[in-house]
Amino acid sequence: MAPRVHPQFQASLSTSSYSSSSSSSCITSKREVFTIWMKSLVMNSNGCTVFDSNGEIIYRIDNYHKKCSNKAYLMDLKGNVLSTILKKRLRMFGRWEGYSGSYCSKEDQVKPWFQVRKPFRVPNKVHYNVCVSMGSSNDSLYTIERLDGKLGCKILDQAGNVVAEMKPKQSRFGVGLGDDVLTLTVESNVDESLIFGLIVVHGLIHHKL
């Protein structure tokens, strides 16, 4: 299955050259293209696996409980938790919060790194607002906008510029690789770990994780 997802795939859990030194923030220096396979590396778990352009696994996204639960984890290949994504229930609308590293309980009293919510006044719109805490009152704002009836989406900054886009992956001959294989393009000077945190939220919203 793996070679179909990425033709250069040769990595394994024991031989991958990816380092677990990833931090909670990783700014891209150039445009990056990733492959997302909507399969977990953990047996009987829900999640997905992220490959870089060299076919190496660099991220794991896992939901250890049941599909569409209220918690998911963004991890590196060795299982170190980079971000914890939680769903908060607020009356008719939900809110998703992302925390740097592992978040265990309300007792941690940690301010969320980012929050995602659907605008209250436009319930039928297919976009969600994102507020990213920058440690000051000048928070950064983004929008997640759904592209089609599957899992495609794009993420825009406050100026309306597309900073990342996810869509079904095709082979070099233009043949689709299936609904569970996607390509994600992330522009330069963007926080890569934030983008993947938002991709996790997008997957939870649309019941894919």
C-alpha atoms as a PDB file:
ATOM      1  CA  MET A   1       0.000   0.000   0.000  1.00  0.00           C
ATOM      2  CA  ALA A   2       2.751   2.459   0.949  1.00  0.00           C
ATOM      3  CA  PRO A   3       4.492   2.532  -2.487  1.00  0.00           C
ATOM      4  CA  ARG A   4       1.194   3.572  -4.063  1.00  0.00           C
ATOM      5  CA  VAL A   5       1.010   6.513  -1.671  1.00  0.00           C
ATOM      6  CA  HIS A   6       4.502   7.810  -2.424  1.00  0.00           C
ATOM      7  CA  PRO A   7       6.779   6.381  -5.178  1.00  0.00           C
ATOM      8  CA  GLN A   8       9.970   7.267  -3.281  1.00  0.00           C
ATOM      9  CA  PHE A   9       8.795   5.629  -0.080  1.00  0.00           C
ATOM     10  CA  GLN A  10      11.585   3.542   1.476  1.00  0.00           C
ATOM     11  CA  ALA A  11      11.453   4.668   5.077  1.00  0.00           C
ATOM     12  CA  SER A  12      10.503   2.466   7.999  1.00  0.00           C
ATOM     13  CA  LEU A  13      10.015   3.040  11.688  1.00  0.00           C
ATOM     14  CA  SER A  14      13.547   1.836  12.341  1.00  0.00           C
ATOM     15  CA  THR A  15      15.474   3.284   9.401  1.00  0.00           C
ATOM     16  CA  SER A  16      13.954   6.685   8.708  1.00  0.00           C
ATOM     17  CA  SER A  17      16.469   9.511   8.887  1.00  0.00           C
ATOM     18  CA  TYR A  18      13.869  11.886  10.340  1.00  0.00           C
ATOM     19  CA  SER A  19      14.924  13.341  13.672  1.00  0.00           C
ATOM     20  CA  SER A  20      12.576  13.693  16.632  1.00  0.00           C
ATOM     21  CA  SER A  21      14.025  17.124  17.362  1.00  0.00           C
ATOM     22  CA  SER A  22      11.031  18.836  15.755  1.00  0.00           C
ATOM     23  CA  SER A  23       9.805  21.740  17.836  1.00  0.00           C
ATOM     24  CA  SER A  24       6.274  23.018  18.252  1.00  0.00           C
ATOM     25  CA  SER A  25       7.110  25.692  15.684  1.00  0.00           C
ATOM     26  CA  CYS A  26       8.810  25.069  12.350  1.00  0.00           C
ATOM     27  CA  ILE A  27       8.848  27.912   9.818  1.00  0.00           C
ATOM     28  CA  THR A  28       9.200  26.797   6.211  1.00  0.00           C
ATOM     29  CA  SER A  29      12.073  28.355   4.268  1.00  0.00           C
ATOM     30  CA  LYS A  30      10.576  27.420   0.897  1.00  0.00           C
ATOM     31  CA  ARG A  31       7.420  25.923  -0.547  1.00  0.00           C
ATOM     32  CA  GLU A  32       7.000  22.367   0.726  1.00  0.00           C
ATOM     33  CA  VAL A  33       4.849  19.560  -0.669  1.00  0.00           C
ATOM     34  CA  PHE A  34       3.670  16.700   1.545  1.00  0.00           C
ATOM     35  CA  THR A  35       1.685  13.524   0.985  1.00  0.00           C
ATOM     36  CA  ILE A  36      -1.020  12.654   3.510  1.00  0.00           C
ATOM     37  CA  TRP A  37      -2.184   9.050   3.716  1.00  0.00           C
ATOM     38  CA  MET A  38      -5.415   8.720   5.699  1.00  0.00           C
ATOM     39  CA  LYS A  39      -4.204   5.636   7.552  1.00  0.00           C
ATOM     40  CA  SER A  40      -2.775   5.362  11.033  1.00  0.00           C
ATOM     41  CA  LEU A  41       0.519   3.615  11.796  1.00  0.00           C
ATOM     42  CA  VAL A  42      -1.116   2.227  14.946  1.00  0.00           C
ATOM     43  CA  MET A  43      -3.196  -0.935  14.566  1.00  0.00           C
ATOM     44  CA  ASN A  44      -6.918  -0.431  15.201  1.00  0.00           C
ATOM     45  CA  SER A  45      -6.438   3.318  15.541  1.00  0.00           C
ATOM     46  CA  ASN A  46      -7.742   6.248  13.518  1.00  0.00           C
ATOM     47  CA  GLY A  47      -5.443   8.852  12.056  1.00  0.00           C
ATOM     48  CA  CYS A  48      -3.146   9.546   9.145  1.00  0.00           C
ATOM     49  CA  THR A  49       0.509   9.512   8.120  1.00  0.00           C
ATOM     50  CA  VAL A  50       2.471  12.386   6.567  1.00  0.00           C
ATOM     51  CA  PHE A  51       5.327  11.930   4.077  1.00  0.00           C
ATOM     52  CA  ASP A  52       7.749  14.621   2.933  1.00  0.00           C
ATOM     53  CA  SER A  53       8.805  15.087  -0.705  1.00  0.00           C
ATOM     54  CA  ASN A  54      11.504  12.415  -0.268  1.00  0.00           C
ATOM     55  CA  GLY A  55       8.955   9.800   0.769  1.00  0.00           C
ATOM     56  CA  GLU A  56       9.999   9.767   4.431  1.00  0.00           C
ATOM     57  CA  ILE A  57       7.450   9.705   7.226  1.00  0.00           C
ATOM     58  CA  ILE A  58       7.743  12.910   9.234  1.00  0.00           C
ATOM     59  CA  TYR A  59       4.442  13.198  11.109  1.00  0.00           C
ATOM     60  CA  ARG A  60       1.841  10.886  12.589  1.00  0.00           C
ATOM     61  CA  ILE A  61      -1.651  12.023  13.426  1.00  0.00           C
ATOM     62  CA  ASP A  62      -3.473   9.621  15.710  1.00  0.00           C
ATOM     63  CA  ASN A  63      -6.786   9.366  17.488  1.00  0.00           C
ATOM     64  CA  TYR A  64      -6.387   6.511  19.936  1.00  0.00           C
ATOM     65  CA  HIS A  65     -10.023   6.322  20.910  1.00  0.00           C
ATOM     66  CA  LYS A  66     -12.914   6.211  18.511  1.00  0.00           C
ATOM     67  CA  LYS A  67     -13.332   7.979  15.214  1.00  0.00           C
ATOM     68  CA  CYS A  68     -14.514  11.593  15.555  1.00  0.00           C
ATOM     69  CA  SER A  69     -13.633  11.720  19.261  1.00  0.00           C
ATOM     70  CA  ASN A  70     -12.748  14.932  21.065  1.00  0.00           C
ATOM     71  CA  LYS A  71      -8.969  14.496  21.078  1.00  0.00           C
ATOM     72  CA  ALA A  72      -6.235  13.849  18.511  1.00  0.00           C
ATOM     73  CA  TYR A  73      -2.447  14.109  18.536  1.00  0.00           C
ATOM     74  CA  LEU A  74       0.106  15.445  16.073  1.00  0.00           C
ATOM     75  CA  MET A  75       3.331  13.488  16.646  1.00  0.00           C
ATOM     76  CA  ASP A  76       6.703  12.965  15.067  1.00  0.00           C
ATOM     77  CA  LEU A  77       7.701   9.534  13.778  1.00  0.00           C
ATOM     78  CA  LYS A  78       8.914   8.365  17.205  1.00  0.00           C
ATOM     79  CA  GLY A  79       5.649   9.235  18.906  1.00  0.00           C
ATOM     80  CA  ASN A  80       6.686  12.491  20.572  1.00  0.00           C
ATOM     81  CA  VAL A  81       3.566  14.651  20.885  1.00  0.00           C
ATOM     82  CA  LEU A  82       4.001  17.996  19.127  1.00  0.00           C
ATOM     83  CA  SER A  83       0.411  19.200  19.473  1.00  0.00           C
ATOM     84  CA  THR A  84      -2.793  18.067  21.172  1.00  0.00           C
ATOM     85  CA  ILE A  85      -6.090  18.954  19.507  1.00  0.00           C
ATOM     86  CA  LEU A  86      -9.227  19.099  21.684  1.00  0.00           C
ATOM     87  CA  LYS A  87     -12.867  19.781  20.879  1.00  0.00           C
ATOM     88  CA  LYS A  88     -14.831  22.018  23.223  1.00  0.00           C
ATOM     89  CA  ARG A  89     -18.615  21.907  23.084  1.00  0.00           C
ATOM     90  CA  LEU A  90     -20.365  25.282  23.120  1.00  0.00           C
ATOM     91  CA  ARG A  91     -24.142  25.051  22.732  1.00  0.00           C
ATOM     92  CA  MET A  92     -24.898  24.558  19.017  1.00  0.00           C
ATOM     93  CA  PHE A  93     -21.349  25.151  17.833  1.00  0.00           C
ATOM     94  CA  GLY A  94     -18.112  23.433  18.668  1.00  0.00           C
ATOM     95  CA  ARG A  95     -14.694  24.965  19.134  1.00  0.00           C
ATOM     96  CA  TRP A  96     -11.374  23.241  18.568  1.00  0.00           C
ATOM     97  CA  GLU A  97      -8.281  24.145  20.547  1.00  0.00           C
ATOM     98  CA  GLY A  98      -4.675  23.259  19.799  1.00  0.00           C
ATOM     99  CA  TYR A  99      -2.061  22.998  22.540  1.00  0.00           C
ATOM    100  CA  SER A 100       1.685  22.745  22.110  1.00  0.00           C
ATOM    101  CA  GLY A 101       2.927  19.365  23.248  1.00  0.00           C
ATOM    102  CA  SER A 102       0.908  16.961  25.375  1.00  0.00           C
ATOM    103  CA  TYR A 103      -2.148  18.357  27.156  1.00  0.00           C
ATOM    104  CA  CYS A 104      -3.653  16.176  29.846  1.00  0.00           C
ATOM    105  CA  SER A 105      -6.386  17.962  31.770  1.00  0.00           C
ATOM    106  CA  LYS A 106      -8.018  21.235  32.702  1.00  0.00           C
ATOM    107  CA  GLU A 107      -5.661  21.385  35.668  1.00  0.00           C
ATOM    108  CA  ASP A 108      -2.806  22.246  33.315  1.00  0.00           C
ATOM    109  CA  GLN A 109      -4.267  25.763  32.918  1.00  0.00           C
ATOM    110  CA  VAL A 110      -2.362  26.281  29.689  1.00  0.00           C
ATOM    111  CA  LYS A 111      -3.487  28.866  27.161  1.00  0.00           C
ATOM    112  CA  PRO A 112      -4.333  27.237  23.821  1.00  0.00           C
ATOM    113  CA  TRP A 113      -1.916  27.836  20.972  1.00  0.00           C
ATOM    114  CA  PHE A 114      -4.758  28.238  18.496  1.00  0.00           C
ATOM    115  CA  GLN A 115      -8.555  28.111  18.379  1.00  0.00           C
ATOM    116  CA  VAL A 116     -10.833  27.186  15.481  1.00  0.00           C
ATOM    117  CA  ARG A 117     -14.534  27.933  15.322  1.00  0.00           C
ATOM    118  CA  LYS A 118     -17.316  28.319  12.789  1.00  0.00           C
ATOM    119  CA  PRO A 119     -18.659  31.879  12.448  1.00  0.00           C
ATOM    120  CA  PHE A 120     -21.961  32.098  14.339  1.00  0.00           C
ATOM    121  CA  ARG A 121     -23.672  34.307  11.781  1.00  0.00           C
ATOM    122  CA  VAL A 122     -22.969  32.128   8.739  1.00  0.00           C
ATOM    123  CA  PRO A 123     -23.876  28.551   9.804  1.00  0.00           C
ATOM    124  CA  ASN A 124     -24.096  27.272   6.214  1.00  0.00           C
ATOM    125  CA  LYS A 125     -20.673  28.480   5.132  1.00  0.00           C
ATOM    126  CA  VAL A 126     -17.915  25.912   4.631  1.00  0.00           C
ATOM    127  CA  HIS A 127     -15.174  27.899   6.316  1.00  0.00           C
ATOM    128  CA  TYR A 128     -13.852  28.233   9.849  1.00  0.00           C
ATOM    129  CA  ASN A 129     -12.053  31.080  11.582  1.00  0.00           C
ATOM    130  CA  VAL A 130      -8.692  30.501  13.268  1.00  0.00           C
ATOM    131  CA  CYS A 131      -7.105  32.613  15.994  1.00  0.00           C
ATOM    132  CA  VAL A 132      -3.457  31.892  16.791  1.00  0.00           C
ATOM    133  CA  SER A 133      -2.030  33.175  20.060  1.00  0.00           C
ATOM    134  CA  MET A 134       1.235  35.020  19.493  1.00  0.00           C
ATOM    135  CA  GLY A 135       1.797  35.755  23.180  1.00  0.00           C
ATOM    136  CA  SER A 136       0.395  39.281  22.883  1.00  0.00           C
ATOM    137  CA  SER A 137      -2.781  41.094  21.904  1.00  0.00           C
ATOM    138  CA  ASN A 138      -1.715  40.971  18.254  1.00  0.00           C
ATOM    139  CA  ASP A 139      -3.033  37.491  17.543  1.00  0.00           C
ATOM    140  CA  SER A 140      -2.746  36.080  14.041  1.00  0.00           C
ATOM    141  CA  LEU A 141      -5.925  35.221  12.136  1.00  0.00           C
ATOM    142  CA  TYR A 142      -6.449  32.532   9.502  1.00  0.00           C
ATOM    143  CA  THR A 143      -9.373  30.906   7.694  1.00  0.00           C
ATOM    144  CA  ILE A 144      -9.881  27.240   6.789  1.00  0.00           C
ATOM    145  CA  GLU A 145     -11.980  26.969   3.649  1.00  0.00           C
ATOM    146  CA  ARG A 146     -13.324  23.687   2.316  1.00  0.00           C
ATOM    147  CA  LEU A 147     -12.746  23.088  -1.399  1.00  0.00           C
ATOM    148  CA  ASP A 148     -15.025  20.187  -2.296  1.00  0.00           C
ATOM    149  CA  GLY A 149     -17.184  17.400  -0.936  1.00  0.00           C
ATOM    150  CA  LYS A 150     -14.182  15.303   0.127  1.00  0.00           C
ATOM    151  CA  LEU A 151     -11.301  16.483   2.282  1.00  0.00           C
ATOM    152  CA  GLY A 152      -9.778  19.249   0.166  1.00  0.00           C
ATOM    153  CA  CYS A 153      -9.235  22.628   1.815  1.00  0.00           C
ATOM    154  CA  LYS A 154      -7.145  25.758   1.712  1.00  0.00           C
ATOM    155  CA  ILE A 155      -5.848  27.900   4.555  1.00  0.00           C
ATOM    156  CA  LEU A 156      -5.732  31.662   4.094  1.00  0.00           C
ATOM    157  CA  ASP A 157      -4.025  34.347   6.157  1.00  0.00           C
ATOM    158  CA  GLN A 158      -5.654  37.574   7.292  1.00  0.00           C
ATOM    159  CA  ALA A 159      -4.819  39.279   3.973  1.00  0.00           C
ATOM    160  CA  GLY A 160      -6.568  36.515   2.006  1.00  0.00           C
ATOM    161  CA  ASN A 161      -3.357  34.894   0.765  1.00  0.00           C
ATOM    162  CA  VAL A 162      -3.376  31.097   0.452  1.00  0.00           C
ATOM    163  CA  VAL A 163      -0.671  29.747   2.768  1.00  0.00           C
ATOM    164  CA  ALA A 164      -1.533  26.053   2.349  1.00  0.00           C
ATOM    165  CA  GLU A 165      -3.748  23.915   0.143  1.00  0.00           C
ATOM    166  CA  MET A 166      -4.739  20.264   0.408  1.00  0.00           C
ATOM    167  CA  LYS A 167      -6.335  18.272  -2.410  1.00  0.00           C
ATOM    168  CA  PRO A 168      -6.529  14.705  -3.733  1.00  0.00           C
ATOM    169  CA  LYS A 169      -3.167  13.455  -4.954  1.00  0.00           C
ATOM    170  CA  GLN A 170      -2.588  12.333  -8.529  1.00  0.00           C
ATOM    171  CA  SER A 171       0.214  10.329 -10.069  1.00  0.00           C
ATOM    172  CA  ARG A 172       2.546  11.997 -12.560  1.00  0.00           C
ATOM    173  CA  PHE A 173       0.239  10.617 -15.262  1.00  0.00           C
ATOM    174  CA  GLY A 174      -2.746  12.454 -13.790  1.00  0.00           C
ATOM    175  CA  VAL A 175      -4.385   9.382 -12.253  1.00  0.00           C
ATOM    176  CA  GLY A 176      -6.029   9.824  -8.862  1.00  0.00           C
ATOM    177  CA  LEU A 177      -4.638   7.710  -6.024  1.00  0.00           C
ATOM    178  CA  GLY A 178      -7.903   7.373  -4.139  1.00  0.00           C
ATOM    179  CA  ASP A 179      -9.856   9.343  -1.563  1.00  0.00           C
ATOM    180  CA  ASP A 180      -7.419   8.436   1.210  1.00  0.00           C
ATOM    181  CA  VAL A 181      -4.311   9.953  -0.426  1.00  0.00           C
ATOM    182  CA  LEU A 182      -3.901  13.733  -0.456  1.00  0.00           C
ATOM    183  CA  THR A 183      -1.219  16.251  -1.314  1.00  0.00           C
ATOM    184  CA  LEU A 184      -0.592  19.290   0.891  1.00  0.00           C
ATOM    185  CA  THR A 185       1.326  22.312  -0.380  1.00  0.00           C
ATOM    186  CA  VAL A 186       2.633  24.724   2.261  1.00  0.00           C
ATOM    187  CA  GLU A 187       4.042  28.076   1.167  1.00  0.00           C
ATOM    188  CA  SER A 188       7.318  29.553   2.444  1.00  0.00           C
ATOM    189  CA  ASN A 189       7.571  31.479   5.735  1.00  0.00           C
ATOM    190  CA  VAL A 190       4.646  29.570   7.238  1.00  0.00           C
ATOM    191  CA  ASP A 191       4.537  27.696  10.544  1.00  0.00           C
ATOM    192  CA  GLU A 192       4.401  24.112   9.284  1.00  0.00           C
ATOM    193  CA  SER A 193       3.329  22.641  12.619  1.00  0.00           C
ATOM    194  CA  LEU A 194       0.420  25.091  12.813  1.00  0.00           C
ATOM    195  CA  ILE A 195      -0.736  24.061   9.334  1.00  0.00           C
ATOM    196  CA  PHE A 196      -0.751  20.400  10.325  1.00  0.00           C
ATOM    197  CA  GLY A 197      -2.632  21.252  13.504  1.00  0.00           C
ATOM    198  CA  LEU A 198      -5.304  22.932  11.383  1.00  0.00           C
ATOM    199  CA  ILE A 199      -5.360  19.940   9.028  1.00  0.00           C
ATOM    200  CA  VAL A 200      -6.107  17.757  12.055  1.00  0.00           C
ATOM    201  CA  VAL A 201      -9.025  20.022  12.977  1.00  0.00           C
ATOM    202  CA  HIS A 202     -10.306  19.929   9.407  1.00  0.00           C
ATOM    203  CA  GLY A 203     -10.221  16.126   9.453  1.00  0.00           C
ATOM    204  CA  LEU A 204     -12.097  15.990  12.770  1.00  0.00           C
ATOM    205  CA  ILE A 205     -14.735  18.442  11.572  1.00  0.00           C
ATOM    206  CA  HIS A 206     -15.460  16.339   8.507  1.00  0.00           C
ATOM    207  CA  HIS A 207     -15.345  12.993  10.358  1.00  0.00           C
ATOM    208  CA  LYS A 208     -12.189  11.700   8.660  1.00  0.00           C
ATOM    209  CA  LEU A 209     -10.158  11.176  11.837  1.00  0.00           C
END
